[in-house]
Amino acid sequence: MSEYDCITSEEVQVLRNGLETLNISVSEKTLDQAIQYLDLLEKWNGAINLTAIRERNRMLTLHLMDSWSLAPFLKKSDSLLDVGSGGGFPGIPVALIRPDLSITLMESNQKKVAFLKQAKIELNLSNLEVIAERVEQSTPSRLFNTITCRAFSDLSEFVRATRHLLQKGGEWIAMKGAIPYDEINRLPAGISTTITPIQIPGLKAERHLIHLHYAI
């Protein structure tokens, strides 16, 4: 067994343990695809800036585990829009473990779009679509019942930029660290908020999902 095989085997075990903690069951093939995704990320990151995180062990936690923590909160057959997807977080990791979901990645940076499209091909993700547009200017052929992001820094801007893409009765889910009380207080009138604390396997830092929807 080569040194690379040993590292891969250890990484797969870390992923397996983390998914068990999240009560998520996946196949060995899916775990292998997750490692392949990190390999692609490392390869492309040398040419374009997809992530500032370059240590493999941190990628496992901060990209894969963090993204997967969203999956239990998505309903079966949801249509999910990942806005400002960048290197594909959380959309690609979620697409790997939730083939029942229809997932769209929206990214305006053309170099990052090229990476996302290549990842879709190499990982054979038939449930994934990549759209190369600015979200404010997007006019897709369908609306989404869930819109998520990790890249938007402000909740009110997130809602303002994407509200034309949300289905009636749908929700936004923003992935945050500490609870952003100031941002919540600046939300537009008529938007209600639910906060879900989450624990990322292998990470001690605070993480919260901020659920936003129109108040009835």
N, C-alpha and C. Protein backbone atom coordinates (compact mmCIF):
# COMPACT_ATOMS: atom_id res chain seq x y z
N MET A 1 0.85 -1.19 0.00
CA MET A 1 0.00 0.00 0.00
C MET A 1 0.89 1.24 0.00
N SER A 2 0.58 2.19 -0.92
CA SER A 2 1.38 3.41 -1.00
C SER A 2 1.01 4.38 0.10
N GLU A 3 1.86 5.41 0.26
CA GLU A 3 1.57 6.46 1.26
C GLU A 3 0.26 7.15 0.93
N TYR A 4 0.00 7.36 -0.36
CA TYR A 4 -1.25 8.02 -0.78
C TYR A 4 -2.45 7.17 -0.38
N ASP A 5 -2.35 5.86 -0.59
CA ASP A 5 -3.45 4.96 -0.21
C ASP A 5 -3.72 5.03 1.28
N CYS A 6 -2.65 5.11 2.08
CA CYS A 6 -2.82 5.20 3.53
C CYS A 6 -3.56 6.47 3.92
N ILE A 7 -3.15 7.60 3.29
CA ILE A 7 -3.80 8.88 3.58
C ILE A 7 -5.26 8.84 3.18
N THR A 8 -5.53 8.30 1.99
CA THR A 8 -6.91 8.22 1.51
C THR A 8 -7.76 7.37 2.44
N SER A 9 -7.21 6.25 2.88
CA SER A 9 -7.93 5.35 3.78
C SER A 9 -8.27 6.05 5.09
N GLU A 10 -7.30 6.82 5.61
CA GLU A 10 -7.54 7.56 6.85
C GLU A 10 -8.61 8.62 6.65
N GLU A 11 -8.56 9.30 5.51
CA GLU A 11 -9.55 10.35 5.22
C GLU A 11 -10.95 9.76 5.09
N VAL A 12 -11.05 8.62 4.42
CA VAL A 12 -12.35 7.97 4.27
C VAL A 12 -12.92 7.61 5.63
N GLN A 13 -12.07 7.14 6.54
CA GLN A 13 -12.53 6.79 7.88
C GLN A 13 -13.01 8.02 8.64
N VAL A 14 -12.31 9.13 8.48
CA VAL A 14 -12.73 10.38 9.10
C VAL A 14 -14.11 10.78 8.58
N LEU A 15 -14.30 10.68 7.28
CA LEU A 15 -15.59 11.02 6.68
C LEU A 15 -16.69 10.08 7.16
N ARG A 16 -16.36 8.80 7.21
CA ARG A 16 -17.33 7.79 7.67
C ARG A 16 -17.77 8.09 9.10
N ASN A 17 -16.82 8.39 9.97
CA ASN A 17 -17.15 8.68 11.36
C ASN A 17 -17.98 9.96 11.49
N GLY A 18 -17.61 10.97 10.70
CA GLY A 18 -18.34 12.23 10.75
C GLY A 18 -19.77 12.08 10.28
N LEU A 19 -19.97 11.34 9.20
CA LEU A 19 -21.32 11.13 8.68
C LEU A 19 -22.17 10.33 9.67
N GLU A 20 -21.54 9.40 10.35
CA GLU A 20 -22.26 8.64 11.38
C GLU A 20 -22.73 9.58 12.49
N THR A 21 -21.88 10.52 12.89
CA THR A 21 -22.27 11.50 13.90
C THR A 21 -23.45 12.34 13.43
N LEU A 22 -23.48 12.65 12.13
CA LEU A 22 -24.57 13.44 11.55
C LEU A 22 -25.79 12.59 11.22
N ASN A 23 -25.70 11.28 11.51
CA ASN A 23 -26.79 10.34 11.21
C ASN A 23 -27.11 10.29 9.71
N ILE A 24 -26.05 10.29 8.92
CA ILE A 24 -26.18 10.22 7.47
C ILE A 24 -25.49 8.96 6.98
N SER A 25 -26.18 8.18 6.17
CA SER A 25 -25.62 6.93 5.63
C SER A 25 -25.33 7.09 4.15
N VAL A 26 -24.12 6.76 3.71
CA VAL A 26 -23.75 6.84 2.30
C VAL A 26 -22.96 5.59 1.91
N SER A 27 -22.82 5.39 0.61
CA SER A 27 -22.08 4.23 0.10
C SER A 27 -20.58 4.52 0.11
N GLU A 28 -19.80 3.46 -0.03
CA GLU A 28 -18.34 3.61 -0.14
C GLU A 28 -17.98 4.40 -1.40
N LYS A 29 -18.77 4.21 -2.45
CA LYS A 29 -18.53 4.96 -3.70
C LYS A 29 -18.66 6.46 -3.45
N THR A 30 -19.65 6.85 -2.65
CA THR A 30 -19.85 8.26 -2.35
C THR A 30 -18.67 8.82 -1.56
N LEU A 31 -18.16 8.04 -0.62
CA LEU A 31 -16.99 8.48 0.14
C LEU A 31 -15.78 8.67 -0.79
N ASP A 32 -15.62 7.75 -1.73
CA ASP A 32 -14.53 7.88 -2.69
C ASP A 32 -14.71 9.14 -3.55
N GLN A 33 -15.96 9.43 -3.94
CA GLN A 33 -16.23 10.64 -4.72
C GLN A 33 -15.90 11.90 -3.93
N ALA A 34 -16.17 11.86 -2.63
CA ALA A 34 -15.85 13.02 -1.78
C ALA A 34 -14.35 13.27 -1.75
N ILE A 35 -13.57 12.20 -1.66
CA ILE A 35 -12.10 12.34 -1.69
C ILE A 35 -11.66 12.84 -3.07
N GLN A 36 -12.29 12.34 -4.12
CA GLN A 36 -11.97 12.79 -5.48
C GLN A 36 -12.25 14.28 -5.63
N TYR A 37 -13.32 14.74 -5.00
CA TYR A 37 -13.66 16.16 -5.04
C TYR A 37 -12.56 17.01 -4.38
N LEU A 38 -12.06 16.55 -3.23
CA LEU A 38 -10.97 17.28 -2.59
C LEU A 38 -9.71 17.28 -3.46
N ASP A 39 -9.46 16.16 -4.14
CA ASP A 39 -8.31 16.09 -5.04
C ASP A 39 -8.44 17.13 -6.16
N LEU A 40 -9.64 17.24 -6.73
CA LEU A 40 -9.90 18.22 -7.77
C LEU A 40 -9.71 19.64 -7.24
N LEU A 41 -10.23 19.86 -6.05
CA LEU A 41 -10.13 21.17 -5.42
C LEU A 41 -8.67 21.57 -5.24
N GLU A 42 -7.85 20.64 -4.76
CA GLU A 42 -6.43 20.92 -4.57
C GLU A 42 -5.75 21.20 -5.91
N LYS A 43 -6.06 20.41 -6.90
CA LYS A 43 -5.44 20.56 -8.22
C LYS A 43 -5.75 21.93 -8.83
N TRP A 44 -7.02 22.30 -8.82
CA TRP A 44 -7.44 23.57 -9.43
C TRP A 44 -7.05 24.76 -8.57
N ASN A 45 -6.92 24.56 -7.28
CA ASN A 45 -6.61 25.66 -6.38
C ASN A 45 -5.21 26.23 -6.62
N GLY A 46 -4.40 25.43 -7.27
CA GLY A 46 -3.07 25.92 -7.62
C GLY A 46 -3.11 26.97 -8.70
N ALA A 47 -4.17 26.96 -9.51
CA ALA A 47 -4.27 27.90 -10.63
C ALA A 47 -5.26 29.03 -10.36
N ILE A 48 -6.36 28.73 -9.68
CA ILE A 48 -7.34 29.76 -9.34
C ILE A 48 -7.68 29.65 -7.86
N ASN A 49 -8.06 30.76 -7.28
CA ASN A 49 -8.29 30.80 -5.84
C ASN A 49 -9.70 30.31 -5.51
N LEU A 50 -9.83 29.02 -5.26
CA LEU A 50 -11.12 28.42 -4.91
C LEU A 50 -11.34 28.42 -3.40
N THR A 51 -10.26 28.27 -2.64
CA THR A 51 -10.36 28.23 -1.18
C THR A 51 -9.03 28.63 -0.57
N ALA A 52 -9.08 29.35 0.54
CA ALA A 52 -7.86 29.70 1.27
C ALA A 52 -7.42 28.56 2.17
N ILE A 53 -8.26 27.56 2.33
CA ILE A 53 -7.95 26.40 3.17
C ILE A 53 -7.21 25.37 2.31
N ARG A 54 -6.00 25.07 2.67
CA ARG A 54 -5.18 24.19 1.84
C ARG A 54 -4.78 22.89 2.54
N GLU A 55 -4.96 22.83 3.86
CA GLU A 55 -4.63 21.61 4.57
C GLU A 55 -5.75 20.59 4.41
N ARG A 56 -5.40 19.37 4.03
CA ARG A 56 -6.42 18.36 3.74
C ARG A 56 -7.34 18.10 4.94
N ASN A 57 -6.75 18.01 6.13
CA ASN A 57 -7.59 17.70 7.30
C ASN A 57 -8.60 18.81 7.57
N ARG A 58 -8.23 20.05 7.30
CA ARG A 58 -9.17 21.16 7.47
C ARG A 58 -10.21 21.18 6.37
N MET A 59 -9.82 20.77 5.16
CA MET A 59 -10.79 20.66 4.07
C MET A 59 -11.88 19.64 4.41
N LEU A 60 -11.47 18.52 5.00
CA LEU A 60 -12.43 17.49 5.39
C LEU A 60 -13.49 18.07 6.31
N THR A 61 -13.05 18.87 7.26
CA THR A 61 -13.98 19.42 8.26
C THR A 61 -14.71 20.65 7.76
N LEU A 62 -13.97 21.62 7.24
CA LEU A 62 -14.55 22.93 6.93
C LEU A 62 -15.26 22.99 5.58
N HIS A 63 -14.99 22.04 4.70
CA HIS A 63 -15.70 22.01 3.43
C HIS A 63 -16.72 20.86 3.36
N LEU A 64 -16.25 19.64 3.62
CA LEU A 64 -17.17 18.50 3.49
C LEU A 64 -18.13 18.41 4.68
N MET A 65 -17.61 18.29 5.89
CA MET A 65 -18.48 18.13 7.06
C MET A 65 -19.41 19.33 7.24
N ASP A 66 -18.85 20.52 7.10
CA ASP A 66 -19.66 21.72 7.26
C ASP A 66 -20.80 21.74 6.24
N SER A 67 -20.51 21.41 5.00
CA SER A 67 -21.55 21.37 3.97
C SER A 67 -22.58 20.29 4.25
N TRP A 68 -22.11 19.14 4.69
CA TRP A 68 -23.03 18.02 4.94
C TRP A 68 -23.97 18.28 6.11
N SER A 69 -23.60 19.19 6.99
CA SER A 69 -24.48 19.49 8.13
C SER A 69 -25.80 20.11 7.66
N LEU A 70 -25.83 20.62 6.44
CA LEU A 70 -27.06 21.20 5.88
C LEU A 70 -28.04 20.12 5.45
N ALA A 71 -27.53 18.97 5.02
CA ALA A 71 -28.34 17.94 4.36
C ALA A 71 -29.57 17.47 5.16
N PRO A 72 -29.45 17.24 6.47
CA PRO A 72 -30.63 16.76 7.22
C PRO A 72 -31.79 17.75 7.26
N PHE A 73 -31.55 19.00 6.89
CA PHE A 73 -32.59 20.03 6.95
C PHE A 73 -33.25 20.27 5.59
N LEU A 74 -32.88 19.45 4.61
CA LEU A 74 -33.44 19.57 3.28
C LEU A 74 -34.47 18.47 3.05
N LYS A 75 -35.65 18.86 2.58
CA LYS A 75 -36.72 17.90 2.36
C LYS A 75 -36.46 17.08 1.11
N LYS A 76 -37.03 15.88 1.09
CA LYS A 76 -36.87 15.00 -0.06
C LYS A 76 -37.37 15.68 -1.33
N SER A 77 -36.59 15.56 -2.38
CA SER A 77 -36.93 16.12 -3.70
C SER A 77 -36.94 17.64 -3.71
N ASP A 78 -36.28 18.27 -2.75
CA ASP A 78 -36.15 19.73 -2.77
C ASP A 78 -35.39 20.18 -4.01
N SER A 79 -35.70 21.39 -4.47
CA SER A 79 -34.86 22.06 -5.47
C SER A 79 -34.04 23.10 -4.70
N LEU A 80 -32.72 22.93 -4.70
CA LEU A 80 -31.82 23.75 -3.89
C LEU A 80 -30.96 24.63 -4.78
N LEU A 81 -30.93 25.92 -4.47
CA LEU A 81 -30.04 26.84 -5.15
C LEU A 81 -28.94 27.26 -4.19
N ASP A 82 -27.69 27.03 -4.59
CA ASP A 82 -26.51 27.43 -3.82
C ASP A 82 -25.94 28.68 -4.50
N VAL A 83 -26.08 29.82 -3.83
CA VAL A 83 -25.72 31.12 -4.41
C VAL A 83 -24.28 31.48 -4.08
N GLY A 84 -23.54 31.96 -5.07
CA GLY A 84 -22.14 32.31 -4.86
C GLY A 84 -21.34 31.10 -4.45
N SER A 85 -21.49 30.04 -5.22
CA SER A 85 -20.99 28.71 -4.81
C SER A 85 -19.47 28.63 -4.72
N GLY A 86 -18.75 29.45 -5.48
CA GLY A 86 -17.29 29.45 -5.40
C GLY A 86 -16.68 28.12 -5.76
N GLY A 87 -16.10 27.45 -4.78
CA GLY A 87 -15.51 26.13 -5.00
C GLY A 87 -16.52 24.99 -4.91
N GLY A 88 -17.80 25.34 -4.73
CA GLY A 88 -18.84 24.30 -4.72
C GLY A 88 -19.43 24.00 -3.37
N PHE A 89 -19.23 24.90 -2.40
CA PHE A 89 -19.72 24.65 -1.04
C PHE A 89 -20.97 25.48 -0.78
N PRO A 90 -22.02 24.92 -0.27
CA PRO A 90 -22.17 23.53 0.15
C PRO A 90 -22.73 22.60 -0.93
N GLY A 91 -23.02 23.16 -2.13
CA GLY A 91 -23.78 22.41 -3.13
C GLY A 91 -23.23 21.07 -3.57
N ILE A 92 -21.92 21.03 -3.90
CA ILE A 92 -21.36 19.77 -4.40
C ILE A 92 -21.34 18.68 -3.32
N PRO A 93 -20.83 18.95 -2.10
CA PRO A 93 -20.89 17.91 -1.07
C PRO A 93 -22.31 17.42 -0.80
N VAL A 94 -23.29 18.33 -0.81
CA VAL A 94 -24.68 17.91 -0.59
C VAL A 94 -25.17 17.06 -1.75
N ALA A 95 -24.82 17.45 -2.98
CA ALA A 95 -25.22 16.67 -4.16
C ALA A 95 -24.68 15.24 -4.10
N LEU A 96 -23.49 15.08 -3.54
CA LEU A 96 -22.89 13.75 -3.44
C LEU A 96 -23.70 12.82 -2.56
N ILE A 97 -24.23 13.33 -1.45
CA ILE A 97 -24.90 12.45 -0.49
C ILE A 97 -26.42 12.50 -0.59
N ARG A 98 -26.96 13.45 -1.38
CA ARG A 98 -28.41 13.55 -1.53
C ARG A 98 -28.78 13.54 -3.02
N PRO A 99 -28.69 12.37 -3.66
CA PRO A 99 -29.02 12.30 -5.09
C PRO A 99 -30.50 12.57 -5.38
N ASP A 100 -31.33 12.56 -4.33
CA ASP A 100 -32.76 12.85 -4.50
C ASP A 100 -33.03 14.33 -4.72
N LEU A 101 -32.05 15.18 -4.46
CA LEU A 101 -32.24 16.62 -4.58
C LEU A 101 -31.80 17.12 -5.96
N SER A 102 -32.48 18.15 -6.43
CA SER A 102 -32.06 18.85 -7.64
C SER A 102 -31.31 20.10 -7.19
N ILE A 103 -30.02 20.17 -7.47
CA ILE A 103 -29.17 21.22 -6.92
C ILE A 103 -28.58 22.08 -8.04
N THR A 104 -28.71 23.39 -7.88
CA THR A 104 -28.16 24.34 -8.84
C THR A 104 -27.11 25.20 -8.15
N LEU A 105 -25.95 25.30 -8.77
CA LEU A 105 -24.88 26.18 -8.29
C LEU A 105 -24.89 27.44 -9.14
N MET A 106 -24.92 28.60 -8.50
CA MET A 106 -24.88 29.86 -9.23
C MET A 106 -23.61 30.61 -8.85
N GLU A 107 -22.80 30.92 -9.86
CA GLU A 107 -21.50 31.56 -9.64
C GLU A 107 -21.21 32.47 -10.83
N SER A 108 -20.75 33.69 -10.56
CA SER A 108 -20.50 34.65 -11.64
C SER A 108 -19.05 34.64 -12.13
N ASN A 109 -18.12 34.14 -11.31
CA ASN A 109 -16.72 34.11 -11.70
C ASN A 109 -16.48 32.98 -12.70
N GLN A 110 -16.07 33.33 -13.92
CA GLN A 110 -15.99 32.34 -15.00
C GLN A 110 -14.97 31.24 -14.74
N LYS A 111 -13.86 31.57 -14.08
CA LYS A 111 -12.87 30.54 -13.77
C LYS A 111 -13.42 29.53 -12.77
N LYS A 112 -14.15 30.03 -11.78
CA LYS A 112 -14.76 29.13 -10.80
C LYS A 112 -15.86 28.30 -11.45
N VAL A 113 -16.59 28.90 -12.37
CA VAL A 113 -17.62 28.16 -13.12
C VAL A 113 -16.99 27.00 -13.89
N ALA A 114 -15.83 27.25 -14.49
CA ALA A 114 -15.14 26.18 -15.23
C ALA A 114 -14.81 25.02 -14.30
N PHE A 115 -14.36 25.33 -13.08
CA PHE A 115 -14.09 24.28 -12.10
C PHE A 115 -15.36 23.52 -11.74
N LEU A 116 -16.43 24.24 -11.45
CA LEU A 116 -17.68 23.60 -11.04
C LEU A 116 -18.20 22.67 -12.13
N LYS A 117 -18.10 23.10 -13.37
CA LYS A 117 -18.57 22.26 -14.49
C LYS A 117 -17.70 21.02 -14.63
N GLN A 118 -16.38 21.18 -14.45
CA GLN A 118 -15.49 20.03 -14.53
C GLN A 118 -15.76 19.05 -13.39
N ALA A 119 -16.02 19.58 -12.19
CA ALA A 119 -16.33 18.72 -11.05
C ALA A 119 -17.61 17.94 -11.30
N LYS A 120 -18.61 18.59 -11.86
CA LYS A 120 -19.86 17.91 -12.19
C LYS A 120 -19.62 16.72 -13.12
N ILE A 121 -18.77 16.95 -14.13
CA ILE A 121 -18.47 15.89 -15.10
C ILE A 121 -17.69 14.75 -14.44
N GLU A 122 -16.60 15.10 -13.75
CA GLU A 122 -15.73 14.06 -13.19
C GLU A 122 -16.37 13.28 -12.06
N LEU A 123 -17.28 13.93 -11.31
CA LEU A 123 -17.96 13.25 -10.21
C LEU A 123 -19.28 12.61 -10.66
N ASN A 124 -19.62 12.84 -11.95
CA ASN A 124 -20.83 12.25 -12.54
C ASN A 124 -22.08 12.60 -11.72
N LEU A 125 -22.25 13.90 -11.48
CA LEU A 125 -23.37 14.37 -10.67
C LEU A 125 -24.53 14.79 -11.57
N SER A 126 -25.41 13.85 -11.84
CA SER A 126 -26.54 14.13 -12.74
C SER A 126 -27.59 15.01 -12.09
N ASN A 127 -27.54 15.16 -10.76
CA ASN A 127 -28.52 15.99 -10.04
C ASN A 127 -28.01 17.42 -9.84
N LEU A 128 -26.94 17.78 -10.54
CA LEU A 128 -26.29 19.08 -10.34
C LEU A 128 -26.32 19.89 -11.63
N GLU A 129 -26.64 21.18 -11.50
CA GLU A 129 -26.59 22.11 -12.63
C GLU A 129 -25.73 23.31 -12.22
N VAL A 130 -24.99 23.86 -13.16
CA VAL A 130 -24.15 25.02 -12.90
C VAL A 130 -24.63 26.17 -13.78
N ILE A 131 -24.91 27.32 -13.14
CA ILE A 131 -25.35 28.52 -13.87
C ILE A 131 -24.32 29.62 -13.68
N ALA A 132 -23.84 30.16 -14.79
CA ALA A 132 -22.83 31.22 -14.75
C ALA A 132 -23.51 32.58 -14.86
N GLU A 133 -24.00 33.08 -13.74
CA GLU A 133 -24.71 34.36 -13.72
C GLU A 133 -24.52 35.06 -12.38
N ARG A 134 -24.69 36.37 -12.40
CA ARG A 134 -24.83 37.11 -11.15
C ARG A 134 -26.24 36.90 -10.64
N VAL A 135 -26.37 36.62 -9.36
CA VAL A 135 -27.67 36.23 -8.84
C VAL A 135 -28.71 37.34 -9.01
N GLU A 136 -28.29 38.60 -8.89
CA GLU A 136 -29.24 39.71 -9.01
C GLU A 136 -29.83 39.81 -10.42
N GLN A 137 -29.08 39.32 -11.41
CA GLN A 137 -29.50 39.44 -12.81
C GLN A 137 -30.06 38.13 -13.36
N SER A 138 -30.16 37.12 -12.51
CA SER A 138 -30.57 35.80 -12.97
C SER A 138 -32.07 35.74 -13.26
N THR A 139 -32.40 35.13 -14.38
CA THR A 139 -33.81 34.87 -14.72
C THR A 139 -33.95 33.41 -15.15
N PRO A 140 -33.83 32.48 -14.20
CA PRO A 140 -33.88 31.06 -14.53
C PRO A 140 -35.29 30.63 -14.95
N SER A 141 -35.36 29.46 -15.55
CA SER A 141 -36.64 28.96 -16.05
C SER A 141 -37.52 28.43 -14.94
N ARG A 142 -36.98 28.29 -13.73
CA ARG A 142 -37.78 27.78 -12.62
C ARG A 142 -37.33 28.46 -11.33
N LEU A 143 -38.20 28.39 -10.32
CA LEU A 143 -37.89 28.92 -9.01
C LEU A 143 -37.46 27.77 -8.09
N PHE A 144 -36.93 28.12 -6.93
CA PHE A 144 -36.37 27.12 -6.01
C PHE A 144 -37.10 27.19 -4.67
N ASN A 145 -37.29 26.00 -4.06
CA ASN A 145 -37.96 26.03 -2.75
C ASN A 145 -36.99 26.19 -1.59
N THR A 146 -35.68 26.08 -1.87
CA THR A 146 -34.67 26.37 -0.84
C THR A 146 -33.49 27.07 -1.50
N ILE A 147 -33.06 28.18 -0.89
CA ILE A 147 -31.89 28.90 -1.37
C ILE A 147 -30.90 28.98 -0.21
N THR A 148 -29.66 28.61 -0.47
CA THR A 148 -28.65 28.59 0.59
C THR A 148 -27.39 29.34 0.15
N CYS A 149 -26.55 29.64 1.13
CA CYS A 149 -25.27 30.27 0.82
C CYS A 149 -24.32 30.13 2.01
N ARG A 150 -23.04 30.17 1.70
CA ARG A 150 -22.02 30.34 2.73
C ARG A 150 -21.23 31.62 2.47
N ALA A 151 -21.36 32.19 1.25
CA ALA A 151 -20.50 33.28 0.84
C ALA A 151 -21.06 34.66 1.17
N PHE A 152 -22.38 34.81 1.18
CA PHE A 152 -22.96 36.12 1.46
C PHE A 152 -22.66 36.52 2.90
N SER A 153 -22.19 37.76 3.08
CA SER A 153 -21.82 38.19 4.43
C SER A 153 -22.99 38.78 5.20
N ASP A 154 -24.02 39.26 4.49
CA ASP A 154 -25.12 39.95 5.16
C ASP A 154 -26.46 39.32 4.79
N LEU A 155 -27.27 39.03 5.79
CA LEU A 155 -28.54 38.35 5.56
C LEU A 155 -29.52 39.19 4.75
N SER A 156 -29.59 40.48 5.03
CA SER A 156 -30.54 41.31 4.30
C SER A 156 -30.17 41.39 2.82
N GLU A 157 -28.87 41.44 2.52
CA GLU A 157 -28.41 41.44 1.13
C GLU A 157 -28.71 40.10 0.46
N PHE A 158 -28.53 39.02 1.20
CA PHE A 158 -28.84 37.67 0.70
C PHE A 158 -30.31 37.58 0.29
N VAL A 159 -31.20 38.05 1.15
CA VAL A 159 -32.64 38.02 0.85
C VAL A 159 -32.96 38.94 -0.33
N ARG A 160 -32.43 40.15 -0.29
CA ARG A 160 -32.73 41.12 -1.35
C ARG A 160 -32.29 40.60 -2.73
N ALA A 161 -31.11 40.00 -2.79
CA ALA A 161 -30.55 39.57 -4.07
C ALA A 161 -31.23 38.33 -4.64
N THR A 162 -31.89 37.55 -3.79
CA THR A 162 -32.39 36.24 -4.25
C THR A 162 -33.90 36.08 -4.14
N ARG A 163 -34.62 37.07 -3.62
CA ARG A 163 -36.05 36.87 -3.34
C ARG A 163 -36.84 36.56 -4.61
N HIS A 164 -36.39 37.04 -5.77
CA HIS A 164 -37.09 36.76 -7.04
C HIS A 164 -36.88 35.32 -7.51
N LEU A 165 -36.02 34.56 -6.82
CA LEU A 165 -35.73 33.18 -7.21
C LEU A 165 -36.39 32.15 -6.28
N LEU A 166 -37.04 32.63 -5.23
CA LEU A 166 -37.63 31.73 -4.23
C LEU A 166 -39.08 31.42 -4.54
N GLN A 167 -39.42 30.14 -4.50
CA GLN A 167 -40.80 29.72 -4.67
C GLN A 167 -41.67 30.23 -3.53
N LYS A 168 -42.95 30.38 -3.80
CA LYS A 168 -43.89 30.70 -2.74
C LYS A 168 -43.87 29.59 -1.70
N GLY A 169 -43.73 29.95 -0.43
CA GLY A 169 -43.66 28.97 0.65
C GLY A 169 -42.28 28.38 0.86
N GLY A 170 -41.29 28.84 0.11
CA GLY A 170 -39.92 28.33 0.26
C GLY A 170 -39.17 29.03 1.38
N GLU A 171 -37.91 28.65 1.56
CA GLU A 171 -37.11 29.28 2.62
C GLU A 171 -35.68 29.47 2.20
N TRP A 172 -35.05 30.46 2.82
CA TRP A 172 -33.61 30.66 2.71
C TRP A 172 -32.95 29.98 3.91
N ILE A 173 -31.78 29.37 3.68
CA ILE A 173 -30.99 28.84 4.79
C ILE A 173 -29.57 29.38 4.63
N ALA A 174 -29.20 30.28 5.54
CA ALA A 174 -27.85 30.84 5.53
C ALA A 174 -26.99 30.08 6.54
N MET A 175 -25.80 29.70 6.11
CA MET A 175 -24.88 28.96 6.97
C MET A 175 -23.93 29.97 7.62
N LYS A 176 -23.99 30.05 8.95
CA LYS A 176 -23.24 31.07 9.68
C LYS A 176 -22.46 30.43 10.83
N GLY A 177 -21.54 31.22 11.39
CA GLY A 177 -20.81 30.81 12.59
C GLY A 177 -21.61 31.21 13.81
N ALA A 178 -21.17 32.27 14.49
CA ALA A 178 -21.93 32.80 15.62
C ALA A 178 -23.24 33.41 15.10
N ILE A 179 -24.24 33.49 15.96
CA ILE A 179 -25.53 34.05 15.56
C ILE A 179 -25.36 35.53 15.20
N PRO A 180 -25.72 35.92 13.97
CA PRO A 180 -25.51 37.31 13.53
C PRO A 180 -26.70 38.20 13.90
N TYR A 181 -26.79 38.55 15.17
CA TYR A 181 -27.96 39.30 15.65
C TYR A 181 -28.14 40.63 14.92
N ASP A 182 -27.05 41.34 14.66
CA ASP A 182 -27.16 42.62 13.96
C ASP A 182 -27.75 42.45 12.57
N GLU A 183 -27.32 41.40 11.86
CA GLU A 183 -27.86 41.14 10.54
C GLU A 183 -29.34 40.77 10.60
N ILE A 184 -29.71 39.97 11.57
CA ILE A 184 -31.11 39.58 11.74
C ILE A 184 -31.97 40.81 11.99
N ASN A 185 -31.46 41.74 12.78
CA ASN A 185 -32.22 42.96 13.08
C ASN A 185 -32.40 43.86 11.86
N ARG A 186 -31.55 43.70 10.87
CA ARG A 186 -31.64 44.53 9.66
C ARG A 186 -32.46 43.89 8.55
N LEU A 187 -33.00 42.70 8.80
CA LEU A 187 -33.78 42.02 7.76
C LEU A 187 -35.01 42.83 7.37
N PRO A 188 -35.46 42.70 6.12
CA PRO A 188 -36.66 43.42 5.69
C PRO A 188 -37.88 43.01 6.50
N ALA A 189 -38.85 43.91 6.57
CA ALA A 189 -40.11 43.60 7.25
C ALA A 189 -40.78 42.42 6.57
N GLY A 190 -41.42 41.57 7.37
CA GLY A 190 -42.15 40.44 6.80
C GLY A 190 -41.33 39.17 6.68
N ILE A 191 -40.05 39.22 7.10
CA ILE A 191 -39.20 38.02 7.07
C ILE A 191 -39.06 37.50 8.49
N SER A 192 -39.44 36.24 8.70
CA SER A 192 -39.29 35.62 10.02
C SER A 192 -38.06 34.74 10.05
N THR A 193 -37.53 34.50 11.24
CA THR A 193 -36.24 33.83 11.42
C THR A 193 -36.34 32.67 12.41
N THR A 194 -35.72 31.55 12.05
CA THR A 194 -35.54 30.44 12.98
C THR A 194 -34.05 30.10 13.00
N ILE A 195 -33.50 29.92 14.17
CA ILE A 195 -32.06 29.66 14.30
C ILE A 195 -31.84 28.23 14.80
N THR A 196 -31.02 27.47 14.07
CA THR A 196 -30.71 26.10 14.45
C THR A 196 -29.22 25.96 14.74
N PRO A 197 -28.84 25.69 16.00
CA PRO A 197 -27.43 25.42 16.28
C PRO A 197 -27.05 24.05 15.75
N ILE A 198 -25.89 23.93 15.16
CA ILE A 198 -25.44 22.64 14.64
C ILE A 198 -24.02 22.37 15.12
N GLN A 199 -23.70 21.11 15.23
CA GLN A 199 -22.36 20.69 15.64
C GLN A 199 -21.67 20.01 14.48
N ILE A 200 -20.56 20.55 14.03
CA ILE A 200 -19.80 19.97 12.93
C ILE A 200 -18.80 18.98 13.50
N PRO A 201 -18.84 17.71 13.08
CA PRO A 201 -17.86 16.74 13.57
C PRO A 201 -16.43 17.23 13.36
N GLY A 202 -15.64 17.22 14.43
CA GLY A 202 -14.24 17.63 14.34
C GLY A 202 -14.01 19.12 14.46
N LEU A 203 -15.09 19.90 14.70
CA LEU A 203 -14.96 21.34 14.79
C LEU A 203 -15.57 21.85 16.09
N LYS A 204 -14.79 22.65 16.85
CA LYS A 204 -15.28 23.17 18.12
C LYS A 204 -15.96 24.52 17.98
N ALA A 205 -15.77 25.19 16.85
CA ALA A 205 -16.33 26.53 16.65
C ALA A 205 -17.85 26.49 16.53
N GLU A 206 -18.46 27.64 16.83
CA GLU A 206 -19.91 27.75 16.71
C GLU A 206 -20.35 27.67 15.25
N ARG A 207 -21.48 27.02 15.02
CA ARG A 207 -22.11 26.98 13.71
C ARG A 207 -23.62 27.04 13.91
N HIS A 208 -24.26 27.83 13.05
CA HIS A 208 -25.72 27.95 13.09
C HIS A 208 -26.28 28.00 11.68
N LEU A 209 -27.46 27.45 11.52
CA LEU A 209 -28.23 27.64 10.30
C LEU A 209 -29.29 28.69 10.60
N ILE A 210 -29.37 29.71 9.76
CA ILE A 210 -30.36 30.76 9.91
C ILE A 210 -31.44 30.52 8.86
N HIS A 211 -32.61 30.09 9.28
CA HIS A 211 -33.74 29.80 8.38
C HIS A 211 -34.57 31.07 8.24
N LEU A 212 -34.82 31.51 7.04
CA LEU A 212 -35.58 32.73 6.77
C LEU A 212 -36.74 32.40 5.86
N HIS A 213 -37.89 32.95 6.15
CA HIS A 213 -39.04 32.78 5.25
C HIS A 213 -40.02 33.91 5.48
N TYR A 214 -40.94 34.05 4.54
CA TYR A 214 -41.94 35.10 4.67
C TYR A 214 -42.90 34.75 5.79
N ALA A 215 -43.14 35.69 6.67
CA ALA A 215 -44.09 35.48 7.76
C ALA A 215 -45.50 35.37 7.18
N ILE A 216 -46.26 34.43 7.72
CA ILE A 216 -47.62 34.21 7.22
C ILE A 216 -48.57 35.23 7.86
